[in-house]
């Protein structure tokens, strides 16, 4: 029996990670990477990380965490604070998180990397996939360009989240998406 290839899956939150982990585990040895310096305030970051830790322990998938480097994210999106949701600020954010995922996958000698970001109906795979492909070339690790929202992926993740009793947030993560969702900043 041949060994499954390894995959580092950037996980933005536990609910969005559910369906991709189940789907990818059939063909890959999946390790989830929680690197989301965009998620603010700090209490929200902690809540999402704790939910991811709980899911990884329950489902028995390896989880790798990186420090919540809010300052790095804030520097990266400087002068894009007023961009609309889905605009250039988001593209910068995707690149920051995917680049750290690609670097980590390369350092760990993994075969491929991908992201759960595409499960959201608010995230365009057409913006995310070219970033991943560029980083794959730069770091020598294959990028799996999957659009997890296809074939009812988002609905499936919502159903699994309800079954598992997972905390499901109502904004992407940054203070600006929180503002746009009508929450206080």
C-alpha atoms as a PDB file:
ATOM      1  CA  UNK A   1       0.000   0.000   0.000  1.00  0.00           C
ATOM      2  CA  UNK A   2       1.429   3.380  -0.957  1.00  0.00           C
ATOM      3  CA  UNK A   3       1.834   6.181   1.521  1.00  0.00           C
ATOM      4  CA  UNK A   4      -0.574   9.119   1.267  1.00  0.00           C
ATOM      5  CA  UNK A   5       1.050  12.449   0.425  1.00  0.00           C
ATOM      6  CA  UNK A   6       1.201  15.054   3.181  1.00  0.00           C
ATOM      7  CA  UNK A   7      -0.831  18.250   3.064  1.00  0.00           C
ATOM      8  CA  UNK A   8      -0.641  21.386   5.180  1.00  0.00           C
ATOM      9  CA  UNK A   9      -4.139  22.855   5.232  1.00  0.00           C
ATOM     10  CA  UNK A  10      -4.441  26.471   6.289  1.00  0.00           C
ATOM     11  CA  UNK A  11      -7.517  26.531   8.526  1.00  0.00           C
ATOM     12  CA  UNK A  12      -9.191  29.886   9.063  1.00  0.00           C
ATOM     13  CA  UNK A  13     -11.550  28.567  11.765  1.00  0.00           C
ATOM     14  CA  UNK A  14     -12.970  25.267  13.017  1.00  0.00           C
ATOM     15  CA  UNK A  15     -16.328  25.435  11.172  1.00  0.00           C
ATOM     16  CA  UNK A  16     -14.659  26.109   7.812  1.00  0.00           C
ATOM     17  CA  UNK A  17     -12.123  23.336   8.451  1.00  0.00           C
ATOM     18  CA  UNK A  18     -14.636  20.532   9.049  1.00  0.00           C
ATOM     19  CA  UNK A  19     -15.638  19.574   5.522  1.00  0.00           C
ATOM     20  CA  UNK A  20     -12.188  20.106   3.931  1.00  0.00           C
ATOM     21  CA  UNK A  21     -10.496  17.896   6.547  1.00  0.00           C
ATOM     22  CA  UNK A  22     -13.016  15.105   6.018  1.00  0.00           C
ATOM     23  CA  UNK A  23     -12.757  15.392   2.256  1.00  0.00           C
ATOM     24  CA  UNK A  24      -8.961  15.635   2.035  1.00  0.00           C
ATOM     25  CA  UNK A  25      -8.228  12.941   4.632  1.00  0.00           C
ATOM     26  CA  UNK A  26      -9.339  10.324   2.116  1.00  0.00           C
ATOM     27  CA  UNK A  27      -6.306  11.076  -0.074  1.00  0.00           C
ATOM     28  CA  UNK A  28      -3.848  12.999   2.133  1.00  0.00           C
ATOM     29  CA  UNK A  29      -2.216  12.968   5.532  1.00  0.00           C
ATOM     30  CA  UNK A  30      -3.669  16.313   6.593  1.00  0.00           C
ATOM     31  CA  UNK A  31      -2.113  18.646   9.122  1.00  0.00           C
ATOM     32  CA  UNK A  32      -4.079  21.820   9.833  1.00  0.00           C
ATOM     33  CA  UNK A  33      -2.207  25.094  10.187  1.00  0.00           C
ATOM     34  CA  UNK A  34      -3.863  27.858  12.215  1.00  0.00           C
ATOM     35  CA  UNK A  35      -2.215  31.101  11.160  1.00  0.00           C
ATOM     36  CA  UNK A  36      -4.657  33.979  11.171  1.00  0.00           C
ATOM     37  CA  UNK A  37      -3.110  37.263  12.359  1.00  0.00           C
ATOM     38  CA  UNK A  38      -6.099  39.067  10.865  1.00  0.00           C
ATOM     39  CA  UNK A  39      -8.498  37.747  13.506  1.00  0.00           C
ATOM     40  CA  UNK A  40      -9.161  40.488  16.013  1.00  0.00           C
ATOM     41  CA  UNK A  41      -9.800  41.441  18.749  1.00  0.00           C
ATOM     42  CA  UNK A  42      -7.498  39.133  20.669  1.00  0.00           C
ATOM     43  CA  UNK A  43     -10.426  37.506  22.502  1.00  0.00           C
ATOM     44  CA  UNK A  44     -11.943  36.513  19.160  1.00  0.00           C
ATOM     45  CA  UNK A  45      -8.620  35.071  17.993  1.00  0.00           C
ATOM     46  CA  UNK A  46      -8.372  33.065  21.200  1.00  0.00           C
ATOM     47  CA  UNK A  47     -11.972  31.802  20.861  1.00  0.00           C
ATOM     48  CA  UNK A  48     -11.396  30.608  17.282  1.00  0.00           C
ATOM     49  CA  UNK A  49      -8.062  29.010  18.150  1.00  0.00           C
ATOM     50  CA  UNK A  50      -9.563  27.207  21.158  1.00  0.00           C
ATOM     51  CA  UNK A  51     -12.383  25.889  18.969  1.00  0.00           C
ATOM     52  CA  UNK A  52      -9.814  24.630  16.435  1.00  0.00           C
ATOM     53  CA  UNK A  53      -7.805  22.934  19.194  1.00  0.00           C
ATOM     54  CA  UNK A  54     -10.955  21.229  20.504  1.00  0.00           C
ATOM     55  CA  UNK A  55     -11.900  20.023  17.010  1.00  0.00           C
ATOM     56  CA  UNK A  56      -8.395  18.701  16.332  1.00  0.00           C
ATOM     57  CA  UNK A  57      -8.417  16.774  19.601  1.00  0.00           C
ATOM     58  CA  UNK A  58     -11.876  15.332  18.954  1.00  0.00           C
ATOM     59  CA  UNK A  59     -11.231  14.441  15.310  1.00  0.00           C
ATOM     60  CA  UNK A  60      -7.598  13.423  15.892  1.00  0.00           C
ATOM     61  CA  UNK A  61      -5.941  15.548  13.217  1.00  0.00           C
ATOM     62  CA  UNK A  62      -2.587  17.218  13.862  1.00  0.00           C
ATOM     63  CA  UNK A  63      -2.755  20.963  14.412  1.00  0.00           C
ATOM     64  CA  UNK A  64       0.098  23.391  14.024  1.00  0.00           C
ATOM     65  CA  UNK A  65      -0.251  26.925  15.364  1.00  0.00           C
ATOM     66  CA  UNK A  66       1.694  30.051  14.628  1.00  0.00           C
ATOM     67  CA  UNK A  67       1.807  33.094  16.878  1.00  0.00           C
ATOM     68  CA  UNK A  68      -0.950  35.644  16.440  1.00  0.00           C
ATOM     69  CA  UNK A  69       1.195  38.337  14.852  1.00  0.00           C
ATOM     70  CA  UNK A  70      -1.333  41.172  14.758  1.00  0.00           C
ATOM     71  CA  UNK A  71       1.405  43.762  14.176  1.00  0.00           C
ATOM     72  CA  UNK A  72       2.606  41.972  11.032  1.00  0.00           C
ATOM     73  CA  UNK A  73      -0.925  41.899   9.646  1.00  0.00           C
ATOM     74  CA  UNK A  74      -1.543  45.556  10.507  1.00  0.00           C
ATOM     75  CA  UNK A  75       1.687  46.548   8.734  1.00  0.00           C
ATOM     76  CA  UNK A  76       0.738  44.479   5.681  1.00  0.00           C
ATOM     77  CA  UNK A  77      -2.676  46.097   5.238  1.00  0.00           C
ATOM     78  CA  UNK A  78      -1.569  49.642   6.084  1.00  0.00           C
ATOM     79  CA  UNK A  79      -3.308  52.183   3.815  1.00  0.00           C
ATOM     80  CA  UNK A  80      -6.007  49.604   2.978  1.00  0.00           C
ATOM     81  CA  UNK A  81      -8.118  50.026   6.107  1.00  0.00           C
ATOM     82  CA  UNK A  82     -10.995  51.564   4.159  1.00  0.00           C
ATOM     83  CA  UNK A  83     -11.011  49.004   1.340  1.00  0.00           C
ATOM     84  CA  UNK A  84     -14.312  47.222   0.910  1.00  0.00           C
ATOM     85  CA  UNK A  85     -14.708  43.627   2.013  1.00  0.00           C
ATOM     86  CA  UNK A  86     -13.329  41.400  -0.749  1.00  0.00           C
ATOM     87  CA  UNK A  87     -11.051  44.169  -2.038  1.00  0.00           C
ATOM     88  CA  UNK A  88      -7.287  44.683  -2.029  1.00  0.00           C
ATOM     89  CA  UNK A  89      -7.028  44.437   1.787  1.00  0.00           C
ATOM     90  CA  UNK A  90      -8.430  40.915   1.595  1.00  0.00           C
ATOM     91  CA  UNK A  91      -6.052  39.939  -1.217  1.00  0.00           C
ATOM     92  CA  UNK A  92      -3.115  41.147   0.905  1.00  0.00           C
ATOM     93  CA  UNK A  93      -4.470  39.153   3.844  1.00  0.00           C
ATOM     94  CA  UNK A  94      -4.868  35.983   1.758  1.00  0.00           C
ATOM     95  CA  UNK A  95      -1.293  36.320   0.511  1.00  0.00           C
ATOM     96  CA  UNK A  96       0.102  36.836   4.011  1.00  0.00           C
ATOM     97  CA  UNK A  97      -1.612  33.741   5.378  1.00  0.00           C
ATOM     98  CA  UNK A  98      -0.963  31.553   2.344  1.00  0.00           C
ATOM     99  CA  UNK A  99       2.686  32.568   2.193  1.00  0.00           C
ATOM    100  CA  UNK A 100       3.221  31.554   5.816  1.00  0.00           C
ATOM    101  CA  UNK A 101       1.465  28.273   5.024  1.00  0.00           C
ATOM    102  CA  UNK A 102       3.684  27.641   1.973  1.00  0.00           C
ATOM    103  CA  UNK A 103       6.842  28.484   3.943  1.00  0.00           C
ATOM    104  CA  UNK A 104       5.793  26.166   6.757  1.00  0.00           C
ATOM    105  CA  UNK A 105       4.892  23.346   4.356  1.00  0.00           C
ATOM    106  CA  UNK A 106       8.287  23.672   2.636  1.00  0.00           C
ATOM    107  CA  UNK A 107      10.170  23.716   5.952  1.00  0.00           C
ATOM    108  CA  UNK A 108       8.324  20.609   7.120  1.00  0.00           C
ATOM    109  CA  UNK A 109       8.977  18.803   3.820  1.00  0.00           C
ATOM    110  CA  UNK A 110       5.283  18.441   3.057  1.00  0.00           C
ATOM    111  CA  UNK A 111       4.010  17.515  -0.383  1.00  0.00           C
ATOM    112  CA  UNK A 112       1.294  20.142  -0.741  1.00  0.00           C
ATOM    113  CA  UNK A 113      -0.643  22.955   0.875  1.00  0.00           C
ATOM    114  CA  UNK A 114      -4.126  24.386   0.549  1.00  0.00           C
ATOM    115  CA  UNK A 115      -6.577  26.616   2.413  1.00  0.00           C
ATOM    116  CA  UNK A 116     -10.092  26.422   3.801  1.00  0.00           C
ATOM    117  CA  UNK A 117     -10.730  30.039   2.786  1.00  0.00           C
ATOM    118  CA  UNK A 118     -12.498  28.952  -0.401  1.00  0.00           C
ATOM    119  CA  UNK A 119     -15.341  27.299   1.515  1.00  0.00           C
ATOM    120  CA  UNK A 120     -16.855  30.685   2.297  1.00  0.00           C
ATOM    121  CA  UNK A 121     -19.424  32.035  -0.153  1.00  0.00           C
ATOM    122  CA  UNK A 122     -17.803  35.434   0.507  1.00  0.00           C
ATOM    123  CA  UNK A 123     -14.331  34.351  -0.666  1.00  0.00           C
ATOM    124  CA  UNK A 124     -13.511  34.083  -4.354  1.00  0.00           C
ATOM    125  CA  UNK A 125     -11.388  31.128  -5.361  1.00  0.00           C
ATOM    126  CA  UNK A 126     -10.474  33.163  -8.455  1.00  0.00           C
ATOM    127  CA  UNK A 127      -8.561  35.558  -6.160  1.00  0.00           C
ATOM    128  CA  UNK A 128      -7.119  32.932  -3.811  1.00  0.00           C
ATOM    129  CA  UNK A 129      -5.930  30.286  -6.284  1.00  0.00           C
ATOM    130  CA  UNK A 130      -3.512  32.496  -8.271  1.00  0.00           C
ATOM    131  CA  UNK A 131      -1.851  33.513  -4.994  1.00  0.00           C
ATOM    132  CA  UNK A 132      -1.449  29.872  -3.996  1.00  0.00           C
ATOM    133  CA  UNK A 133      -0.077  28.921  -7.414  1.00  0.00           C
ATOM    134  CA  UNK A 134       2.456  31.760  -7.306  1.00  0.00           C
ATOM    135  CA  UNK A 135       3.606  30.721  -3.829  1.00  0.00           C
ATOM    136  CA  UNK A 136       3.819  27.067  -4.904  1.00  0.00           C
ATOM    137  CA  UNK A 137       6.307  28.069  -7.576  1.00  0.00           C
ATOM    138  CA  UNK A 138       8.257  30.242  -5.180  1.00  0.00           C
ATOM    139  CA  UNK A 139       8.530  27.686  -2.356  1.00  0.00           C
ATOM    140  CA  UNK A 140       8.509  24.412  -4.299  1.00  0.00           C
ATOM    141  CA  UNK A 141       5.407  22.928  -2.670  1.00  0.00           C
ATOM    142  CA  UNK A 142       2.328  21.960  -4.686  1.00  0.00           C
ATOM    143  CA  UNK A 143      -0.770  24.097  -4.111  1.00  0.00           C
ATOM    144  CA  UNK A 144      -4.098  22.264  -4.211  1.00  0.00           C
ATOM    145  CA  UNK A 145      -6.409  24.770  -5.864  1.00  0.00           C
ATOM    146  CA  UNK A 146      -9.702  23.497  -4.518  1.00  0.00           C
ATOM    147  CA  UNK A 147     -12.922  25.466  -4.229  1.00  0.00           C
ATOM    148  CA  UNK A 148     -14.447  23.871  -1.154  1.00  0.00           C
ATOM    149  CA  UNK A 149     -17.766  25.706  -1.531  1.00  0.00           C
ATOM    150  CA  UNK A 150     -18.510  23.607  -4.656  1.00  0.00           C
ATOM    151  CA  UNK A 151     -20.892  20.654  -4.339  1.00  0.00           C
ATOM    152  CA  UNK A 152     -22.600  22.293  -1.329  1.00  0.00           C
ATOM    153  CA  UNK A 153     -19.357  22.382   0.663  1.00  0.00           C
ATOM    154  CA  UNK A 154     -20.394  25.445   2.646  1.00  0.00           C
ATOM    155  CA  UNK A 155     -23.781  23.908   3.520  1.00  0.00           C
ATOM    156  CA  UNK A 156     -22.064  20.680   4.539  1.00  0.00           C
ATOM    157  CA  UNK A 157     -19.639  22.579   6.783  1.00  0.00           C
ATOM    158  CA  UNK A 158     -22.573  24.422   8.397  1.00  0.00           C
ATOM    159  CA  UNK A 159     -24.373  21.126   9.068  1.00  0.00           C
ATOM    160  CA  UNK A 160     -21.242  19.534  10.551  1.00  0.00           C
ATOM    161  CA  UNK A 161     -20.671  22.644  12.684  1.00  0.00           C
ATOM    162  CA  UNK A 162     -24.203  22.388  14.081  1.00  0.00           C
ATOM    163  CA  UNK A 163     -23.766  18.654  14.767  1.00  0.00           C
ATOM    164  CA  UNK A 164     -20.468  19.321  16.545  1.00  0.00           C
ATOM    165  CA  UNK A 165     -21.805  22.375  18.406  1.00  0.00           C
ATOM    166  CA  UNK A 166     -19.002  24.571  17.058  1.00  0.00           C
ATOM    167  CA  UNK A 167     -18.787  28.291  17.674  1.00  0.00           C
ATOM    168  CA  UNK A 168     -19.563  29.956  14.349  1.00  0.00           C
ATOM    169  CA  UNK A 169     -18.542  33.592  14.040  1.00  0.00           C
ATOM    170  CA  UNK A 170     -20.419  36.132  11.932  1.00  0.00           C
ATOM    171  CA  UNK A 171     -17.502  38.040  10.426  1.00  0.00           C
ATOM    172  CA  UNK A 172     -14.349  37.009   8.585  1.00  0.00           C
ATOM    173  CA  UNK A 173     -11.918  38.034  11.270  1.00  0.00           C
ATOM    174  CA  UNK A 174     -10.404  41.471  10.915  1.00  0.00           C
ATOM    175  CA  UNK A 175     -11.791  44.512  12.673  1.00  0.00           C
ATOM    176  CA  UNK A 176     -12.765  45.961   9.303  1.00  0.00           C
ATOM    177  CA  UNK A 177     -14.860  42.938   8.343  1.00  0.00           C
ATOM    178  CA  UNK A 178     -16.389  43.144  11.808  1.00  0.00           C
ATOM    179  CA  UNK A 179     -17.213  46.795  11.143  1.00  0.00           C
ATOM    180  CA  UNK A 180     -18.748  45.903   7.788  1.00  0.00           C
ATOM    181  CA  UNK A 181     -20.820  43.161   9.445  1.00  0.00           C
ATOM    182  CA  UNK A 182     -22.320  45.796  11.759  1.00  0.00           C
ATOM    183  CA  UNK A 183     -20.369  44.949  14.902  1.00  0.00           C
ATOM    184  CA  UNK A 184     -18.488  47.485  17.003  1.00  0.00           C
ATOM    185  CA  UNK A 185     -14.745  47.820  16.393  1.00  0.00           C
END
